[in-house]
Amino acid sequence: MALTAHLPHRRHSFSFDRLRSSSRSPQRLAGEIALGAAGLALSGFALYFLKERSQEEAEHKVVERDGAFSLRRYARLTVAEVHRAGTLAEAMDAGFEPLYAYISGKPEARQPGADKAGIAMTVPVTVAPGAASGDWLVRFVMPRAWQRDRLPEPAQDVALTDLPGRTIAALRFSGRGTDRDLVARKRAELLERVQKRGLHTLGEPEFAAYNAPVVPGLLRRNEWWVEVQAK
């Protein structure tokens, strides 16, 4: 049976049978189908991008802004974190899965008897240097709605940690975190800007990612952070 959608104002009904019997060439039909599929994909990506941008961001106040550089005061944050080794990109890739399993409420990612409720994804995902070379701490920030004592206890090698309030110097840039030259260049730029402002760093820089891998490089938001002594 033909699938028919009736349009208003007495226009002719449309059906797949009518499409098959039309005078369009196979090449033209293929082109129209491809354009339609591309339009649907673009619409779907636009909706996804808007949803992603509506995710809760780690609580902070901007103290100073100078183009891509900013100084921010972050509130105390509770994070779920996991240690992973390798390059920065490898650690982020390997650390994402167990952290996402934890916030999704998968049984194997939480202690027996823990609350199975899902925890909303927030931004950014951060990757901070660990104590040893090649060791990284991949972190998800917990939503403000979840008090520390209400968070389900994680299993495996995921841990919950409280980070004190910090003053952060941040440098924003687009592109992919897998681009080592770009990432290294922007890290050096952040430290150069911090030095020029006479700020004293407290620790090593950490990488912050705000987008899923499907987001194109030009639309991505990445940042390098470094804690500095508060003025």
C-alpha atoms as a PDB file:
ATOM      1  CA  MET A   1       0.000   0.000   0.000  1.00  0.00           C
ATOM      2  CA  ALA A   2       1.332   3.444  -0.916  1.00  0.00           C
ATOM      3  CA  LEU A   3       2.247   5.793   1.929  1.00  0.00           C
ATOM      4  CA  THR A   4       0.399   9.052   1.263  1.00  0.00           C
ATOM      5  CA  ALA A   5       0.727  12.419   3.048  1.00  0.00           C
ATOM      6  CA  HIS A   6      -2.072  14.894   2.192  1.00  0.00           C
ATOM      7  CA  LEU A   7      -0.989  18.518   1.968  1.00  0.00           C
ATOM      8  CA  PRO A   8      -3.292  21.544   2.598  1.00  0.00           C
ATOM      9  CA  HIS A   9      -4.875  23.883  -0.002  1.00  0.00           C
ATOM     10  CA  ARG A  10      -5.963  21.020  -2.302  1.00  0.00           C
ATOM     11  CA  ARG A  11      -2.472  20.188  -3.470  1.00  0.00           C
ATOM     12  CA  HIS A  12      -1.939  16.761  -4.962  1.00  0.00           C
ATOM     13  CA  SER A  13      -1.138  13.991  -2.493  1.00  0.00           C
ATOM     14  CA  PHE A  14       2.375  12.618  -2.485  1.00  0.00           C
ATOM     15  CA  SER A  15       3.208   8.925  -2.456  1.00  0.00           C
ATOM     16  CA  PHE A  16       6.199   6.716  -3.033  1.00  0.00           C
ATOM     17  CA  ASP A  17       4.274   5.136  -5.928  1.00  0.00           C
ATOM     18  CA  ARG A  18       3.931   8.592  -7.485  1.00  0.00           C
ATOM     19  CA  LEU A  19       7.639   9.175  -6.957  1.00  0.00           C
ATOM     20  CA  ARG A  20       8.512   5.924  -8.687  1.00  0.00           C
ATOM     21  CA  SER A  21       6.249   6.735 -11.620  1.00  0.00           C
ATOM     22  CA  SER A  22       7.544  10.284 -12.075  1.00  0.00           C
ATOM     23  CA  SER A  23       9.677  11.357 -14.960  1.00  0.00           C
ATOM     24  CA  ARG A  24      12.736  12.014 -12.796  1.00  0.00           C
ATOM     25  CA  SER A  25      15.869  10.217 -13.907  1.00  0.00           C
ATOM     26  CA  PRO A  26      17.559   7.782 -11.505  1.00  0.00           C
ATOM     27  CA  GLN A  27      20.494  10.202 -11.216  1.00  0.00           C
ATOM     28  CA  ARG A  28      18.200  13.093 -10.274  1.00  0.00           C
ATOM     29  CA  LEU A  29      16.318  10.967  -7.767  1.00  0.00           C
ATOM     30  CA  ALA A  30      19.595   9.858  -6.205  1.00  0.00           C
ATOM     31  CA  GLY A  31      20.710  13.464  -5.943  1.00  0.00           C
ATOM     32  CA  GLU A  32      17.456  14.539  -4.299  1.00  0.00           C
ATOM     33  CA  ILE A  33      17.631  11.661  -1.836  1.00  0.00           C
ATOM     34  CA  ALA A  34      21.245  12.539  -1.007  1.00  0.00           C
ATOM     35  CA  LEU A  35      20.315  16.188  -0.465  1.00  0.00           C
ATOM     36  CA  GLY A  36      17.417  15.168   1.756  1.00  0.00           C
ATOM     37  CA  ALA A  37      19.634  12.877   3.802  1.00  0.00           C
ATOM     38  CA  ALA A  38      22.238  15.634   4.145  1.00  0.00           C
ATOM     39  CA  GLY A  39      19.546  18.054   5.292  1.00  0.00           C
ATOM     40  CA  LEU A  40      18.304  15.615   7.912  1.00  0.00           C
ATOM     41  CA  ALA A  41      21.858  14.957   9.110  1.00  0.00           C
ATOM     42  CA  LEU A  42      22.557  18.688   9.364  1.00  0.00           C
ATOM     43  CA  SER A  43      19.328  19.281  11.283  1.00  0.00           C
ATOM     44  CA  GLY A  44      20.157  16.420  13.627  1.00  0.00           C
ATOM     45  CA  PHE A  45      23.649  17.773  14.239  1.00  0.00           C
ATOM     46  CA  ALA A  46      22.263  21.275  14.895  1.00  0.00           C
ATOM     47  CA  LEU A  47      19.879  19.874  17.520  1.00  0.00           C
ATOM     48  CA  TYR A  48      22.707  17.846  19.086  1.00  0.00           C
ATOM     49  CA  PHE A  49      25.019  20.874  19.130  1.00  0.00           C
ATOM     50  CA  LEU A  50      22.364  23.021  20.839  1.00  0.00           C
ATOM     51  CA  LYS A  51      21.730  20.277  23.401  1.00  0.00           C
ATOM     52  CA  GLU A  52      25.444  19.962  24.074  1.00  0.00           C
ATOM     53  CA  ARG A  53      25.770  23.715  24.598  1.00  0.00           C
ATOM     54  CA  SER A  54      22.969  23.601  27.169  1.00  0.00           C
ATOM     55  CA  GLN A  55      24.957  21.259  29.440  1.00  0.00           C
ATOM     56  CA  GLU A  56      25.813  22.608  32.882  1.00  0.00           C
ATOM     57  CA  GLU A  57      29.266  24.180  33.080  1.00  0.00           C
ATOM     58  CA  ALA A  58      31.537  24.028  36.112  1.00  0.00           C
ATOM     59  CA  GLU A  59      30.584  26.901  38.406  1.00  0.00           C
ATOM     60  CA  HIS A  60      32.867  29.927  38.105  1.00  0.00           C
ATOM     61  CA  LYS A  61      33.056  33.698  37.840  1.00  0.00           C
ATOM     62  CA  VAL A  62      35.082  35.499  35.162  1.00  0.00           C
ATOM     63  CA  VAL A  63      37.476  37.938  36.812  1.00  0.00           C
ATOM     64  CA  GLU A  64      39.225  39.199  33.656  1.00  0.00           C
ATOM     65  CA  ARG A  65      38.920  38.575  29.933  1.00  0.00           C
ATOM     66  CA  ASP A  66      41.337  39.432  27.138  1.00  0.00           C
ATOM     67  CA  GLY A  67      40.302  37.792  23.880  1.00  0.00           C
ATOM     68  CA  ALA A  68      40.811  34.030  24.176  1.00  0.00           C
ATOM     69  CA  PHE A  69      42.501  34.474  27.578  1.00  0.00           C
ATOM     70  CA  SER A  70      40.566  34.772  30.812  1.00  0.00           C
ATOM     71  CA  LEU A  71      41.019  34.646  34.564  1.00  0.00           C
ATOM     72  CA  ARG A  72      38.289  32.802  36.433  1.00  0.00           C
ATOM     73  CA  ARG A  73      37.447  32.026  40.023  1.00  0.00           C
ATOM     74  CA  TYR A  74      36.080  28.489  40.326  1.00  0.00           C
ATOM     75  CA  ALA A  75      33.954  27.361  43.240  1.00  0.00           C
ATOM     76  CA  ARG A  76      34.704  24.136  45.091  1.00  0.00           C
ATOM     77  CA  LEU A  77      33.968  21.262  42.719  1.00  0.00           C
ATOM     78  CA  THR A  78      33.258  17.596  43.279  1.00  0.00           C
ATOM     79  CA  VAL A  79      34.682  15.448  40.505  1.00  0.00           C
ATOM     80  CA  ALA A  80      34.689  11.786  39.529  1.00  0.00           C
ATOM     81  CA  GLU A  81      38.195  10.948  38.398  1.00  0.00           C
ATOM     82  CA  VAL A  82      40.227   8.077  37.052  1.00  0.00           C
ATOM     83  CA  HIS A  83      43.960   7.606  36.410  1.00  0.00           C
ATOM     84  CA  ARG A  84      45.047   6.706  32.892  1.00  0.00           C
ATOM     85  CA  ALA A  85      48.482   6.481  31.265  1.00  0.00           C
ATOM     86  CA  GLY A  86      49.739   7.451  27.828  1.00  0.00           C
ATOM     87  CA  THR A  87      49.521  10.662  25.872  1.00  0.00           C
ATOM     88  CA  LEU A  88      46.965  13.298  26.820  1.00  0.00           C
ATOM     89  CA  ALA A  89      44.623  12.197  24.020  1.00  0.00           C
ATOM     90  CA  GLU A  90      45.041   8.506  24.865  1.00  0.00           C
ATOM     91  CA  ALA A  91      44.335   9.134  28.537  1.00  0.00           C
ATOM     92  CA  MET A  92      41.196  11.134  27.779  1.00  0.00           C
ATOM     93  CA  ASP A  93      39.923   8.466  25.410  1.00  0.00           C
ATOM     94  CA  ALA A  94      40.591   5.639  27.879  1.00  0.00           C
ATOM     95  CA  GLY A  95      39.279   7.539  30.894  1.00  0.00           C
ATOM     96  CA  PHE A  96      35.996   8.634  29.361  1.00  0.00           C
ATOM     97  CA  GLU A  97      34.383   5.177  29.281  1.00  0.00           C
ATOM     98  CA  PRO A  98      34.559   4.288  33.008  1.00  0.00           C
ATOM     99  CA  LEU A  99      33.522   7.810  34.002  1.00  0.00           C
ATOM    100  CA  TYR A 100      30.565   7.766  31.617  1.00  0.00           C
ATOM    101  CA  ALA A 101      29.574   4.322  32.884  1.00  0.00           C
ATOM    102  CA  TYR A 102      29.554   5.772  36.415  1.00  0.00           C
ATOM    103  CA  ILE A 103      27.294   8.738  35.660  1.00  0.00           C
ATOM    104  CA  SER A 104      25.042   6.490  33.526  1.00  0.00           C
ATOM    105  CA  GLY A 105      24.353   4.239  36.512  1.00  0.00           C
ATOM    106  CA  LYS A 106      25.737   1.019  35.079  1.00  0.00           C
ATOM    107  CA  PRO A 107      25.798  -1.610  37.858  1.00  0.00           C
ATOM    108  CA  GLU A 108      29.438  -2.554  37.340  1.00  0.00           C
ATOM    109  CA  ALA A 109      30.474   1.112  37.729  1.00  0.00           C
ATOM    110  CA  ARG A 110      28.925   1.571  41.188  1.00  0.00           C
ATOM    111  CA  GLN A 111      29.255  -0.146  44.541  1.00  0.00           C
ATOM    112  CA  PRO A 112      26.599  -2.778  45.369  1.00  0.00           C
ATOM    113  CA  GLY A 113      23.495  -1.145  46.787  1.00  0.00           C
ATOM    114  CA  ALA A 114      24.424   2.327  45.494  1.00  0.00           C
ATOM    115  CA  ASP A 115      21.782   4.564  43.973  1.00  0.00           C
ATOM    116  CA  LYS A 116      21.287   3.674  40.293  1.00  0.00           C
ATOM    117  CA  ALA A 117      20.005   7.114  39.261  1.00  0.00           C
ATOM    118  CA  GLY A 118      21.727   8.718  36.290  1.00  0.00           C
ATOM    119  CA  ILE A 119      23.877  11.802  36.775  1.00  0.00           C
ATOM    120  CA  ALA A 120      23.758  14.524  34.115  1.00  0.00           C
ATOM    121  CA  MET A 121      26.802  15.130  31.955  1.00  0.00           C
ATOM    122  CA  THR A 122      28.536  18.473  32.574  1.00  0.00           C
ATOM    123  CA  VAL A 123      31.375  20.333  30.902  1.00  0.00           C
ATOM    124  CA  PRO A 124      34.275  20.413  30.668  1.00  0.00           C
ATOM    125  CA  VAL A 125      35.985  17.056  30.874  1.00  0.00           C
ATOM    126  CA  THR A 126      39.459  17.837  32.201  1.00  0.00           C
ATOM    127  CA  VAL A 127      42.758  15.996  31.974  1.00  0.00           C
ATOM    128  CA  ALA A 128      45.344  16.943  34.597  1.00  0.00           C
ATOM    129  CA  PRO A 129      48.907  15.612  34.991  1.00  0.00           C
ATOM    130  CA  GLY A 130      49.296  12.953  37.657  1.00  0.00           C
ATOM    131  CA  ALA A 131      52.202  12.419  40.031  1.00  0.00           C
ATOM    132  CA  ALA A 132      54.304  10.427  37.552  1.00  0.00           C
ATOM    133  CA  SER A 133      55.309  11.151  33.978  1.00  0.00           C
ATOM    134  CA  GLY A 134      52.721   9.859  31.531  1.00  0.00           C
ATOM    135  CA  ASP A 135      50.065   9.562  34.261  1.00  0.00           C
ATOM    136  CA  TRP A 136      46.893  11.628  33.877  1.00  0.00           C
ATOM    137  CA  LEU A 137      43.766  12.317  35.926  1.00  0.00           C
ATOM    138  CA  VAL A 138      40.657  12.392  33.747  1.00  0.00           C
ATOM    139  CA  ARG A 139      37.788  14.163  35.508  1.00  0.00           C
ATOM    140  CA  PHE A 140      34.015  14.669  35.172  1.00  0.00           C
ATOM    141  CA  VAL A 141      32.591  17.541  37.226  1.00  0.00           C
ATOM    142  CA  MET A 142      29.519  16.511  39.216  1.00  0.00           C
ATOM    143  CA  PRO A 143      26.360  18.662  38.772  1.00  0.00           C
ATOM    144  CA  ARG A 144      25.613  21.242  41.457  1.00  0.00           C
ATOM    145  CA  ALA A 145      22.279  19.537  42.179  1.00  0.00           C
ATOM    146  CA  TRP A 146      24.127  16.517  43.589  1.00  0.00           C
ATOM    147  CA  GLN A 147      25.421  17.092  47.104  1.00  0.00           C
ATOM    148  CA  ARG A 148      28.628  15.211  47.903  1.00  0.00           C
ATOM    149  CA  ASP A 149      26.957  12.912  50.428  1.00  0.00           C
ATOM    150  CA  ARG A 150      24.225  11.971  47.943  1.00  0.00           C
ATOM    151  CA  LEU A 151      26.530  10.842  45.157  1.00  0.00           C
ATOM    152  CA  PRO A 152      26.576   7.064  44.573  1.00  0.00           C
ATOM    153  CA  GLU A 153      29.849   5.418  45.518  1.00  0.00           C
ATOM    154  CA  PRO A 154      31.774   4.419  42.388  1.00  0.00           C
ATOM    155  CA  ALA A 155      33.353   1.037  41.745  1.00  0.00           C
ATOM    156  CA  GLN A 156      36.357  -0.097  39.714  1.00  0.00           C
ATOM    157  CA  ASP A 157      39.074   2.573  39.726  1.00  0.00           C
ATOM    158  CA  VAL A 158      36.818   5.653  39.667  1.00  0.00           C
ATOM    159  CA  ALA A 159      37.072   7.918  42.730  1.00  0.00           C
ATOM    160  CA  LEU A 160      35.146  10.942  43.989  1.00  0.00           C
ATOM    161  CA  THR A 161      37.297  13.934  44.943  1.00  0.00           C
ATOM    162  CA  ASP A 162      36.614  17.467  46.150  1.00  0.00           C
ATOM    163  CA  LEU A 163      38.649  20.208  44.498  1.00  0.00           C
ATOM    164  CA  PRO A 164      38.976  23.432  46.501  1.00  0.00           C
ATOM    165  CA  GLY A 165      38.073  26.790  45.032  1.00  0.00           C
ATOM    166  CA  ARG A 166      40.761  27.934  42.600  1.00  0.00           C
ATOM    167  CA  THR A 167      41.742  30.902  40.471  1.00  0.00           C
ATOM    168  CA  ILE A 168      42.319  29.600  36.953  1.00  0.00           C
ATOM    169  CA  ALA A 169      44.036  31.216  33.976  1.00  0.00           C
ATOM    170  CA  ALA A 170      42.423  29.778  30.839  1.00  0.00           C
ATOM    171  CA  LEU A 171      43.157  29.974  27.114  1.00  0.00           C
ATOM    172  CA  ARG A 172      40.382  29.001  24.722  1.00  0.00           C
ATOM    173  CA  PHE A 173      40.962  27.600  21.225  1.00  0.00           C
ATOM    174  CA  SER A 174      39.268  25.480  18.549  1.00  0.00           C
ATOM    175  CA  GLY A 175      40.578  22.363  16.840  1.00  0.00           C
ATOM    176  CA  ARG A 176      41.003  18.778  17.961  1.00  0.00           C
ATOM    177  CA  GLY A 177      42.708  17.604  21.140  1.00  0.00           C
ATOM    178  CA  THR A 178      44.414  14.896  19.087  1.00  0.00           C
ATOM    179  CA  ASP A 179      46.394  17.569  17.205  1.00  0.00           C
ATOM    180  CA  ARG A 180      49.589  17.399  19.265  1.00  0.00           C
ATOM    181  CA  ASP A 181      51.248  20.419  17.654  1.00  0.00           C
ATOM    182  CA  LEU A 182      48.187  22.602  18.232  1.00  0.00           C
ATOM    183  CA  VAL A 183      47.759  21.455  21.822  1.00  0.00           C
ATOM    184  CA  ALA A 184      51.454  21.969  22.636  1.00  0.00           C
ATOM    185  CA  ARG A 185      51.472  25.408  21.012  1.00  0.00           C
ATOM    186  CA  LYS A 186      48.412  26.577  22.950  1.00  0.00           C
ATOM    187  CA  ARG A 187      49.824  25.261  26.228  1.00  0.00           C
ATOM    188  CA  ALA A 188      52.964  27.297  25.659  1.00  0.00           C
ATOM    189  CA  GLU A 189      50.877  30.344  24.737  1.00  0.00           C
ATOM    190  CA  LEU A 190      48.895  30.100  27.979  1.00  0.00           C
ATOM    191  CA  LEU A 191      52.051  29.987  30.083  1.00  0.00           C
ATOM    192  CA  GLU A 192      53.522  32.902  28.137  1.00  0.00           C
ATOM    193  CA  ARG A 193      50.439  35.034  28.759  1.00  0.00           C
ATOM    194  CA  VAL A 194      50.460  34.133  32.440  1.00  0.00           C
ATOM    195  CA  GLN A 195      54.115  35.112  32.720  1.00  0.00           C
ATOM    196  CA  LYS A 196      53.564  38.445  30.966  1.00  0.00           C
ATOM    197  CA  ARG A 197      50.861  39.292  33.511  1.00  0.00           C
ATOM    198  CA  GLY A 198      53.211  38.527  36.382  1.00  0.00           C
ATOM    199  CA  LEU A 199      51.007  35.739  37.686  1.00  0.00           C
ATOM    200  CA  HIS A 200      52.451  32.937  39.815  1.00  0.00           C
ATOM    201  CA  THR A 201      51.409  29.436  38.714  1.00  0.00           C
ATOM    202  CA  LEU A 202      50.421  26.759  41.217  1.00  0.00           C
ATOM    203  CA  GLY A 203      50.980  23.436  39.497  1.00  0.00           C
ATOM    204  CA  GLU A 204      50.978  22.188  35.919  1.00  0.00           C
ATOM    205  CA  PRO A 205      48.453  23.091  33.183  1.00  0.00           C
ATOM    206  CA  GLU A 206      45.449  20.846  32.573  1.00  0.00           C
ATOM    207  CA  PHE A 207      43.446  20.363  29.395  1.00  0.00           C
ATOM    208  CA  ALA A 208      39.689  21.017  29.273  1.00  0.00           C
ATOM    209  CA  ALA A 209      37.401  19.666  26.525  1.00  0.00           C
ATOM    210  CA  TYR A 210      33.813  20.794  26.009  1.00  0.00           C
ATOM    211  CA  ASN A 211      32.607  18.780  22.998  1.00  0.00           C
ATOM    212  CA  ALA A 212      31.933  15.229  21.869  1.00  0.00           C
ATOM    213  CA  PRO A 213      34.173  13.776  19.133  1.00  0.00           C
ATOM    214  CA  VAL A 214      31.464  14.265  16.448  1.00  0.00           C
ATOM    215  CA  VAL A 215      31.755  18.063  16.664  1.00  0.00           C
ATOM    216  CA  PRO A 216      33.981  19.438  13.847  1.00  0.00           C
ATOM    217  CA  GLY A 217      37.297  21.003  14.804  1.00  0.00           C
ATOM    218  CA  LEU A 218      36.321  24.561  13.895  1.00  0.00           C
ATOM    219  CA  LEU A 219      33.292  24.400  16.213  1.00  0.00           C
ATOM    220  CA  ARG A 220      35.084  22.806  19.112  1.00  0.00           C
ATOM    221  CA  ARG A 221      35.853  24.525  22.398  1.00  0.00           C
ATOM    222  CA  ASN A 222      39.085  23.477  24.038  1.00  0.00           C
ATOM    223  CA  GLU A 223      40.996  25.199  26.812  1.00  0.00           C
ATOM    224  CA  TRP A 224      44.254  24.986  28.689  1.00  0.00           C
ATOM    225  CA  TRP A 225      43.934  25.822  32.377  1.00  0.00           C
ATOM    226  CA  VAL A 226      46.547  26.557  34.990  1.00  0.00           C
ATOM    227  CA  GLU A 227      45.933  27.480  38.610  1.00  0.00           C
ATOM    228  CA  VAL A 228      47.441  30.821  39.605  1.00  0.00           C
ATOM    229  CA  GLN A 229      47.852  32.622  42.874  1.00  0.00           C
ATOM    230  CA  ALA A 230      44.830  34.797  43.544  1.00  0.00           C
ATOM    231  CA  LYS A 231      45.412  38.526  43.391  1.00  0.00           C
END
